N, C-alpha and C. Protein backbone atom coordinates (compact mmCIF):
# COMPACT_ATOMS: atom_id res chain seq x y z
N MET A 1 0.80 -1.19 0.00
CA MET A 1 0.00 0.00 0.00
C MET A 1 0.86 1.27 0.00
N PRO A 2 1.91 1.33 0.75
CA PRO A 2 2.72 2.54 0.74
C PRO A 2 3.31 2.84 -0.63
N SER A 3 3.51 1.85 -1.45
CA SER A 3 4.08 2.09 -2.78
C SER A 3 3.08 2.86 -3.67
N ASN A 4 1.76 2.62 -3.48
CA ASN A 4 0.75 3.34 -4.27
C ASN A 4 0.70 4.83 -3.89
N ILE A 5 0.89 5.13 -2.64
CA ILE A 5 0.88 6.51 -2.19
C ILE A 5 2.06 7.26 -2.78
N SER A 6 3.21 6.62 -2.86
CA SER A 6 4.38 7.29 -3.41
C SER A 6 4.21 7.58 -4.91
N ILE A 7 3.42 6.77 -5.60
CA ILE A 7 3.16 7.02 -7.03
C ILE A 7 2.28 8.26 -7.18
N TRP A 8 1.32 8.42 -6.30
CA TRP A 8 0.37 9.52 -6.40
C TRP A 8 0.86 10.79 -5.70
N ALA A 9 1.91 10.72 -4.96
CA ALA A 9 2.39 11.86 -4.18
C ALA A 9 2.69 13.09 -5.04
N PRO A 10 3.41 12.95 -6.14
CA PRO A 10 3.68 14.15 -6.96
C PRO A 10 2.38 14.74 -7.54
N PHE A 11 1.46 13.91 -7.93
CA PHE A 11 0.19 14.36 -8.48
C PHE A 11 -0.63 15.11 -7.43
N LEU A 12 -0.69 14.56 -6.21
CA LEU A 12 -1.42 15.21 -5.13
C LEU A 12 -0.77 16.55 -4.75
N PHE A 13 0.54 16.58 -4.80
CA PHE A 13 1.24 17.82 -4.51
C PHE A 13 0.87 18.90 -5.53
N ARG A 14 0.80 18.52 -6.79
CA ARG A 14 0.43 19.47 -7.85
C ARG A 14 -1.00 19.98 -7.66
N ILE A 15 -1.90 19.11 -7.27
CA ILE A 15 -3.28 19.53 -7.03
C ILE A 15 -3.33 20.52 -5.88
N LYS A 16 -2.58 20.23 -4.79
CA LYS A 16 -2.55 21.15 -3.66
C LYS A 16 -1.99 22.51 -4.09
N CYS A 17 -0.98 22.50 -4.92
CA CYS A 17 -0.40 23.75 -5.41
C CYS A 17 -1.41 24.52 -6.25
N LEU A 18 -2.14 23.79 -7.09
CA LEU A 18 -3.16 24.44 -7.91
C LEU A 18 -4.23 25.09 -7.05
N TRP A 19 -4.66 24.39 -6.01
CA TRP A 19 -5.68 24.95 -5.14
C TRP A 19 -5.17 26.17 -4.38
N PHE A 20 -3.88 26.24 -4.20
CA PHE A 20 -3.30 27.38 -3.52
C PHE A 20 -3.10 28.55 -4.51
N ILE A 21 -2.67 28.26 -5.72
CA ILE A 21 -2.36 29.29 -6.71
C ILE A 21 -3.62 29.80 -7.43
N LEU A 22 -4.58 28.94 -7.65
CA LEU A 22 -5.78 29.29 -8.41
C LEU A 22 -6.53 30.51 -7.86
N PRO A 23 -6.78 30.60 -6.55
CA PRO A 23 -7.48 31.80 -6.05
C PRO A 23 -6.72 33.09 -6.32
N PHE A 24 -5.40 33.07 -6.22
CA PHE A 24 -4.61 34.26 -6.51
C PHE A 24 -4.69 34.63 -7.98
N THR A 25 -4.75 33.64 -8.83
CA THR A 25 -4.89 33.90 -10.27
C THR A 25 -6.21 34.60 -10.55
N PHE A 26 -7.29 34.13 -9.91
CA PHE A 26 -8.58 34.77 -10.09
C PHE A 26 -8.58 36.19 -9.54
N LEU A 27 -7.94 36.39 -8.42
CA LEU A 27 -7.87 37.73 -7.85
C LEU A 27 -7.12 38.69 -8.76
N LEU A 28 -6.04 38.23 -9.33
CA LEU A 28 -5.26 39.07 -10.23
C LEU A 28 -6.01 39.34 -11.53
N SER A 29 -6.76 38.37 -12.02
CA SER A 29 -7.49 38.56 -13.26
C SER A 29 -8.68 39.49 -13.09
N CYS A 30 -9.20 39.60 -11.89
CA CYS A 30 -10.33 40.48 -11.62
C CYS A 30 -9.90 41.91 -11.33
N LYS A 31 -8.62 42.14 -11.34
CA LYS A 31 -8.10 43.46 -11.08
C LYS A 31 -8.62 44.43 -12.14
N ASP A 32 -8.96 45.65 -11.72
CA ASP A 32 -9.46 46.67 -12.63
C ASP A 32 -8.37 46.99 -13.65
N LYS A 33 -8.71 46.82 -14.92
CA LYS A 33 -7.74 47.05 -15.98
C LYS A 33 -7.95 48.45 -16.56
N THR A 34 -7.52 49.43 -15.84
CA THR A 34 -7.65 50.81 -16.27
C THR A 34 -6.59 51.10 -17.32
N VAL A 35 -7.05 51.63 -18.45
CA VAL A 35 -6.14 51.95 -19.54
C VAL A 35 -5.84 53.44 -19.47
N ILE A 36 -4.58 53.75 -19.47
CA ILE A 36 -4.16 55.14 -19.48
C ILE A 36 -3.99 55.57 -20.94
N ILE A 37 -4.79 56.54 -21.33
CA ILE A 37 -4.75 57.01 -22.71
C ILE A 37 -3.71 58.13 -22.80
N PRO A 38 -2.73 57.97 -23.67
CA PRO A 38 -1.70 59.01 -23.81
C PRO A 38 -2.29 60.33 -24.29
N ASP A 39 -1.61 61.42 -23.99
CA ASP A 39 -2.08 62.75 -24.39
C ASP A 39 -2.13 62.92 -25.91
N SER A 40 -1.28 62.19 -26.62
CA SER A 40 -1.23 62.33 -28.08
C SER A 40 -2.41 61.64 -28.78
N VAL A 41 -3.17 60.84 -28.04
CA VAL A 41 -4.30 60.11 -28.61
C VAL A 41 -5.56 60.95 -28.52
N ILE A 42 -6.34 60.94 -29.57
CA ILE A 42 -7.60 61.69 -29.63
C ILE A 42 -8.56 61.09 -28.60
N THR A 43 -9.34 61.93 -27.93
CA THR A 43 -10.29 61.45 -26.93
C THR A 43 -11.35 60.58 -27.60
N ARG A 44 -12.02 59.77 -26.82
CA ARG A 44 -13.03 58.86 -27.37
C ARG A 44 -14.18 59.61 -28.03
N ASP A 45 -14.63 60.69 -27.41
CA ASP A 45 -15.73 61.47 -27.98
C ASP A 45 -15.31 62.10 -29.31
N SER A 46 -14.11 62.68 -29.34
CA SER A 46 -13.62 63.30 -30.57
C SER A 46 -13.41 62.25 -31.66
N MET A 47 -12.90 61.11 -31.27
CA MET A 47 -12.68 60.03 -32.23
C MET A 47 -14.01 59.58 -32.84
N ALA A 48 -15.05 59.51 -32.03
CA ALA A 48 -16.37 59.13 -32.53
C ALA A 48 -16.88 60.16 -33.54
N GLN A 49 -16.65 61.45 -33.26
CA GLN A 49 -17.06 62.50 -34.18
C GLN A 49 -16.29 62.40 -35.51
N VAL A 50 -14.99 62.17 -35.41
CA VAL A 50 -14.16 62.04 -36.62
C VAL A 50 -14.60 60.83 -37.43
N LEU A 51 -14.82 59.71 -36.76
CA LEU A 51 -15.25 58.49 -37.47
C LEU A 51 -16.63 58.68 -38.11
N SER A 52 -17.50 59.45 -37.48
CA SER A 52 -18.81 59.74 -38.07
C SER A 52 -18.64 60.51 -39.37
N ASP A 53 -17.79 61.52 -39.35
CA ASP A 53 -17.55 62.30 -40.57
C ASP A 53 -16.86 61.45 -41.64
N ILE A 54 -15.93 60.61 -41.23
CA ILE A 54 -15.26 59.73 -42.19
C ILE A 54 -16.26 58.78 -42.83
N GLN A 55 -17.18 58.28 -42.05
CA GLN A 55 -18.20 57.37 -42.58
C GLN A 55 -19.03 58.08 -43.65
N LEU A 56 -19.36 59.34 -43.42
CA LEU A 56 -20.12 60.10 -44.40
C LEU A 56 -19.32 60.34 -45.68
N VAL A 57 -18.03 60.62 -45.53
CA VAL A 57 -17.16 60.80 -46.70
C VAL A 57 -17.08 59.49 -47.49
N GLU A 58 -16.91 58.39 -46.78
CA GLU A 58 -16.83 57.09 -47.46
C GLU A 58 -18.14 56.72 -48.14
N ALA A 59 -19.26 57.10 -47.54
CA ALA A 59 -20.56 56.84 -48.17
C ALA A 59 -20.67 57.66 -49.45
N MET A 60 -20.20 58.89 -49.41
CA MET A 60 -20.21 59.73 -50.60
C MET A 60 -19.29 59.13 -51.67
N ARG A 61 -18.14 58.66 -51.25
CA ARG A 61 -17.15 58.12 -52.19
C ARG A 61 -17.66 56.85 -52.87
N THR A 62 -18.42 56.06 -52.15
CA THR A 62 -18.89 54.79 -52.72
C THR A 62 -20.25 54.92 -53.42
N ASN A 63 -20.84 56.11 -53.37
CA ASN A 63 -22.10 56.35 -54.06
C ASN A 63 -21.85 56.23 -55.57
N LYS A 64 -22.59 55.36 -56.24
CA LYS A 64 -22.34 55.09 -57.66
C LYS A 64 -22.52 56.33 -58.53
N GLU A 65 -23.44 57.20 -58.16
CA GLU A 65 -23.67 58.40 -58.96
C GLU A 65 -22.50 59.38 -58.84
N LEU A 66 -21.81 59.37 -57.70
CA LEU A 66 -20.73 60.32 -57.48
C LEU A 66 -19.35 59.75 -57.76
N THR A 67 -19.23 58.43 -57.83
CA THR A 67 -17.93 57.79 -57.96
C THR A 67 -17.16 58.28 -59.17
N ASP A 68 -17.83 58.42 -60.29
CA ASP A 68 -17.14 58.83 -61.51
C ASP A 68 -16.69 60.29 -61.46
N SER A 69 -17.43 61.13 -60.77
CA SER A 69 -17.13 62.56 -60.78
C SER A 69 -16.15 62.98 -59.68
N ILE A 70 -15.87 62.12 -58.72
CA ILE A 70 -14.98 62.48 -57.62
C ILE A 70 -13.64 61.76 -57.79
N SER A 71 -12.58 62.55 -57.87
CA SER A 71 -11.25 61.96 -58.03
C SER A 71 -10.64 61.66 -56.66
N LYS A 72 -9.54 60.92 -56.68
CA LYS A 72 -8.84 60.62 -55.43
C LYS A 72 -8.30 61.88 -54.80
N ASP A 73 -7.86 62.82 -55.62
CA ASP A 73 -7.35 64.09 -55.09
C ASP A 73 -8.45 64.84 -54.33
N THR A 74 -9.65 64.81 -54.88
CA THR A 74 -10.78 65.48 -54.22
C THR A 74 -11.06 64.82 -52.87
N ILE A 75 -11.05 63.50 -52.83
CA ILE A 75 -11.27 62.78 -51.57
C ILE A 75 -10.19 63.13 -50.56
N MET A 76 -8.94 63.20 -51.00
CA MET A 76 -7.85 63.55 -50.09
C MET A 76 -8.02 64.97 -49.56
N LYS A 77 -8.50 65.88 -50.41
CA LYS A 77 -8.76 67.25 -49.95
C LYS A 77 -9.89 67.26 -48.93
N ILE A 78 -10.91 66.45 -49.16
CA ILE A 78 -12.03 66.37 -48.21
C ILE A 78 -11.53 65.85 -46.87
N TYR A 79 -10.67 64.81 -46.90
CA TYR A 79 -10.10 64.29 -45.65
C TYR A 79 -9.26 65.35 -44.95
N SER A 80 -8.52 66.12 -45.72
CA SER A 80 -7.70 67.18 -45.12
C SER A 80 -8.59 68.22 -44.44
N ILE A 81 -9.68 68.60 -45.10
CA ILE A 81 -10.63 69.54 -44.51
C ILE A 81 -11.25 68.95 -43.25
N LEU A 82 -11.58 67.66 -43.32
CA LEU A 82 -12.18 66.97 -42.18
C LEU A 82 -11.24 66.99 -40.97
N PHE A 83 -9.97 66.65 -41.19
CA PHE A 83 -9.01 66.65 -40.09
C PHE A 83 -8.81 68.07 -39.54
N ASN A 84 -8.76 69.07 -40.43
CA ASN A 84 -8.63 70.45 -39.97
C ASN A 84 -9.85 70.87 -39.16
N LYS A 85 -11.02 70.44 -39.58
CA LYS A 85 -12.26 70.76 -38.85
C LYS A 85 -12.17 70.29 -37.40
N HIS A 86 -11.59 69.11 -37.21
CA HIS A 86 -11.50 68.53 -35.86
C HIS A 86 -10.19 68.92 -35.14
N GLY A 87 -9.35 69.69 -35.82
CA GLY A 87 -8.11 70.15 -35.19
C GLY A 87 -7.08 69.06 -34.96
N ILE A 88 -7.03 68.09 -35.88
CA ILE A 88 -6.07 66.99 -35.76
C ILE A 88 -5.34 66.82 -37.08
N SER A 89 -4.25 66.06 -37.04
CA SER A 89 -3.53 65.73 -38.27
C SER A 89 -3.85 64.29 -38.66
N GLU A 90 -3.53 63.94 -39.88
CA GLU A 90 -3.76 62.57 -40.34
C GLU A 90 -2.93 61.59 -39.51
N GLU A 91 -1.70 61.99 -39.19
CA GLU A 91 -0.82 61.14 -38.39
C GLU A 91 -1.39 60.91 -36.99
N GLN A 92 -1.94 61.97 -36.41
CA GLN A 92 -2.54 61.84 -35.07
C GLN A 92 -3.75 60.91 -35.13
N PHE A 93 -4.52 61.02 -36.20
CA PHE A 93 -5.68 60.13 -36.35
C PHE A 93 -5.21 58.68 -36.48
N GLU A 94 -4.21 58.44 -37.31
CA GLU A 94 -3.70 57.08 -37.51
C GLU A 94 -3.14 56.51 -36.21
N GLN A 95 -2.39 57.34 -35.49
CA GLN A 95 -1.81 56.90 -34.21
C GLN A 95 -2.92 56.57 -33.20
N SER A 96 -3.94 57.39 -33.16
CA SER A 96 -5.06 57.15 -32.24
C SER A 96 -5.82 55.90 -32.62
N LEU A 97 -6.04 55.71 -33.92
CA LEU A 97 -6.73 54.52 -34.38
C LEU A 97 -5.94 53.26 -34.03
N ASP A 98 -4.63 53.32 -34.19
CA ASP A 98 -3.79 52.17 -33.81
C ASP A 98 -3.88 51.89 -32.32
N PHE A 99 -3.89 52.96 -31.51
CA PHE A 99 -4.01 52.77 -30.06
C PHE A 99 -5.32 52.10 -29.71
N TYR A 100 -6.42 52.60 -30.29
CA TYR A 100 -7.73 52.04 -29.97
C TYR A 100 -7.90 50.62 -30.52
N LYS A 101 -7.21 50.30 -31.60
CA LYS A 101 -7.25 48.93 -32.11
C LYS A 101 -6.62 47.96 -31.11
N ASP A 102 -5.62 48.44 -30.38
CA ASP A 102 -4.97 47.61 -29.37
C ASP A 102 -5.81 47.49 -28.11
N HIS A 103 -6.87 48.29 -27.98
CA HIS A 103 -7.76 48.27 -26.81
C HIS A 103 -9.21 48.12 -27.31
N PRO A 104 -9.60 46.89 -27.62
CA PRO A 104 -10.90 46.65 -28.26
C PRO A 104 -12.11 47.14 -27.47
N THR A 105 -12.04 47.12 -26.15
CA THR A 105 -13.21 47.60 -25.38
C THR A 105 -13.41 49.10 -25.59
N LEU A 106 -12.32 49.85 -25.66
CA LEU A 106 -12.42 51.28 -25.92
C LEU A 106 -12.90 51.53 -27.35
N LEU A 107 -12.40 50.73 -28.28
CA LEU A 107 -12.81 50.88 -29.68
C LEU A 107 -14.29 50.57 -29.86
N GLU A 108 -14.77 49.57 -29.14
CA GLU A 108 -16.20 49.24 -29.20
C GLU A 108 -17.04 50.40 -28.67
N GLU A 109 -16.58 51.03 -27.60
CA GLU A 109 -17.29 52.18 -27.05
C GLU A 109 -17.33 53.32 -28.07
N ILE A 110 -16.21 53.53 -28.76
CA ILE A 110 -16.15 54.58 -29.78
C ILE A 110 -17.10 54.25 -30.93
N PHE A 111 -17.13 52.99 -31.35
CA PHE A 111 -18.04 52.60 -32.44
C PHE A 111 -19.50 52.78 -32.02
N ASP A 112 -19.82 52.49 -30.78
CA ASP A 112 -21.19 52.70 -30.29
C ASP A 112 -21.55 54.19 -30.36
N LYS A 113 -20.62 55.04 -29.94
CA LYS A 113 -20.86 56.49 -30.00
C LYS A 113 -21.00 56.95 -31.45
N THR A 114 -20.19 56.37 -32.33
CA THR A 114 -20.26 56.72 -33.76
C THR A 114 -21.61 56.35 -34.33
N ILE A 115 -22.08 55.18 -34.02
CA ILE A 115 -23.39 54.73 -34.51
C ILE A 115 -24.50 55.64 -33.97
N ASN A 116 -24.42 56.00 -32.69
CA ASN A 116 -25.41 56.91 -32.11
C ASN A 116 -25.38 58.27 -32.79
N GLU A 117 -24.18 58.77 -33.07
CA GLU A 117 -24.03 60.06 -33.73
C GLU A 117 -24.63 60.02 -35.14
N LEU A 118 -24.32 58.98 -35.89
CA LEU A 118 -24.86 58.86 -37.25
C LEU A 118 -26.37 58.69 -37.22
N SER A 119 -26.87 57.96 -36.25
CA SER A 119 -28.32 57.77 -36.13
C SER A 119 -29.02 59.08 -35.82
N SER A 120 -28.43 59.88 -34.94
CA SER A 120 -29.06 61.17 -34.61
C SER A 120 -29.00 62.12 -35.81
N ARG A 121 -27.90 62.08 -36.56
CA ARG A 121 -27.82 62.90 -37.77
C ARG A 121 -28.88 62.46 -38.79
N GLN A 122 -29.05 61.16 -38.91
CA GLN A 122 -30.05 60.64 -39.85
C GLN A 122 -31.45 61.06 -39.42
N ALA A 123 -31.71 61.04 -38.13
CA ALA A 123 -33.03 61.43 -37.63
C ALA A 123 -33.29 62.91 -37.93
N VAL A 124 -32.29 63.75 -37.74
CA VAL A 124 -32.44 65.18 -38.02
C VAL A 124 -32.68 65.40 -39.51
N LEU A 125 -31.88 64.74 -40.34
CA LEU A 125 -32.07 64.88 -41.78
C LEU A 125 -33.42 64.31 -42.22
N GLY A 126 -33.83 63.22 -41.60
CA GLY A 126 -35.12 62.63 -41.94
C GLY A 126 -36.27 63.56 -41.61
N SER A 127 -36.19 64.24 -40.47
CA SER A 127 -37.26 65.17 -40.10
C SER A 127 -37.25 66.39 -41.01
N LYS A 128 -36.05 66.85 -41.42
CA LYS A 128 -35.98 67.98 -42.35
C LYS A 128 -36.53 67.59 -43.71
N ASN A 129 -36.20 66.37 -44.17
CA ASN A 129 -36.70 65.91 -45.47
C ASN A 129 -38.22 65.73 -45.43
N THR A 130 -38.73 65.26 -44.32
CA THR A 130 -40.17 65.09 -44.18
C THR A 130 -40.86 66.45 -44.22
N ALA A 131 -40.31 67.42 -43.51
CA ALA A 131 -40.90 68.77 -43.50
C ALA A 131 -40.82 69.38 -44.90
N ARG A 132 -39.71 69.17 -45.58
CA ARG A 132 -39.54 69.70 -46.94
C ARG A 132 -40.54 69.03 -47.88
N ALA A 133 -40.68 67.71 -47.78
CA ALA A 133 -41.62 67.00 -48.64
C ALA A 133 -43.05 67.47 -48.38
N ASP A 134 -43.37 67.73 -47.11
CA ASP A 134 -44.72 68.22 -46.77
C ASP A 134 -44.96 69.59 -47.39
N SER A 135 -43.96 70.46 -47.30
CA SER A 135 -44.15 71.80 -47.86
C SER A 135 -44.24 71.76 -49.38
N ILE A 136 -43.47 70.89 -50.03
CA ILE A 136 -43.56 70.74 -51.49
C ILE A 136 -44.93 70.19 -51.86
N ARG A 137 -45.41 69.22 -51.11
CA ARG A 137 -46.72 68.65 -51.39
C ARG A 137 -47.81 69.71 -51.27
N LYS A 138 -47.70 70.55 -50.26
CA LYS A 138 -48.71 71.61 -50.06
C LYS A 138 -48.68 72.62 -51.21
N VAL A 139 -47.49 72.93 -51.71
CA VAL A 139 -47.39 73.87 -52.82
C VAL A 139 -47.98 73.26 -54.09
N ARG A 140 -47.74 71.98 -54.31
CA ARG A 140 -48.22 71.32 -55.51
C ARG A 140 -49.72 71.06 -55.50
N GLU A 141 -50.30 71.00 -54.33
CA GLU A 141 -51.74 70.76 -54.26
C GLU A 141 -52.48 71.97 -54.80
N LYS A 142 -53.46 71.71 -55.61
CA LYS A 142 -54.26 72.80 -56.16
C LYS A 142 -55.26 73.23 -55.09
N PRO A 143 -55.41 74.52 -54.95
CA PRO A 143 -56.37 74.98 -53.93
C PRO A 143 -57.78 74.57 -54.32
N LYS A 144 -58.53 74.18 -53.35
CA LYS A 144 -59.91 73.74 -53.57
C LYS A 144 -60.84 74.89 -53.21
N VAL A 145 -61.05 75.73 -54.20
CA VAL A 145 -61.92 76.88 -54.01
C VAL A 145 -63.23 76.58 -54.72
N VAL A 146 -64.30 76.66 -53.98
CA VAL A 146 -65.62 76.41 -54.55
C VAL A 146 -66.32 77.75 -54.70
N ILE A 147 -66.59 78.11 -55.94
CA ILE A 147 -67.28 79.37 -56.21
C ILE A 147 -68.72 79.02 -56.57
N PRO A 148 -69.66 79.60 -55.86
CA PRO A 148 -71.06 79.31 -56.18
C PRO A 148 -71.39 79.73 -57.61
N LYS A 149 -72.24 78.95 -58.24
CA LYS A 149 -72.60 79.16 -59.62
C LYS A 149 -73.21 80.54 -59.84
N LYS A 150 -73.89 81.01 -58.86
CA LYS A 150 -74.55 82.29 -58.95
C LYS A 150 -73.54 83.42 -59.12
N GLU A 151 -72.39 83.34 -58.42
CA GLU A 151 -71.37 84.38 -58.50
C GLU A 151 -70.66 84.36 -59.84
N ILE A 152 -70.52 83.20 -60.43
CA ILE A 152 -69.80 83.09 -61.70
C ILE A 152 -70.65 83.69 -62.83
N THR A 153 -71.88 83.35 -62.85
CA THR A 153 -72.74 83.77 -63.96
C THR A 153 -73.55 85.01 -63.64
N GLY A 154 -73.43 85.51 -62.45
CA GLY A 154 -74.21 86.67 -62.07
C GLY A 154 -75.68 86.33 -61.89
N GLY A 155 -75.97 85.09 -61.57
CA GLY A 155 -77.33 84.64 -61.35
C GLY A 155 -78.03 84.19 -62.62
N LYS A 156 -77.32 84.27 -63.73
CA LYS A 156 -77.93 83.89 -64.99
C LYS A 156 -77.23 82.64 -65.50
N ASN A 157 -77.85 81.99 -66.45
CA ASN A 157 -77.20 80.82 -67.04
C ASN A 157 -76.15 81.27 -68.05
N TRP A 158 -75.48 80.38 -68.69
CA TRP A 158 -74.37 80.73 -69.56
C TRP A 158 -74.81 81.48 -70.80
N LEU A 159 -76.08 81.45 -71.12
CA LEU A 159 -76.57 82.19 -72.27
C LEU A 159 -76.93 83.63 -71.89
N GLY A 160 -76.86 83.93 -70.60
CA GLY A 160 -77.18 85.26 -70.13
C GLY A 160 -78.64 85.44 -69.76
N LYS A 161 -79.41 84.39 -69.63
CA LYS A 161 -80.82 84.47 -69.28
C LYS A 161 -81.02 84.22 -67.82
């Protein structure tokens, strides 16, 4: 019997070690993983705004009606204007995008904000288009004016009797 215990001794020792180490592993894994964002990286809110504008530029670029008339130089000028609008450089945008790619939870938060921003812009444009369509419809509608027959003919029939 003692020979069987000696065979299992190393295995039992490993299990005891695991039971001792495992709780510490869980404690360390539950540690708050706060990410320090460098000063050179665009803030999450600003990044969401930039990505919203980029999405609109890309939608314009891929629009079949506009694709033939817009050159690559024009697109690059639009991107330059876009970056100037947000007060960033293309390099800063690329560096920030690389940083956020390395931190997927932050990137997911930015994408959620981008989707919300685009949705709110779409809602505003949708309400403006609806109001515009309503006003055009009202202009196109012919006024329904009913003039009594007596006023048209002066109380007489078309022969003047």
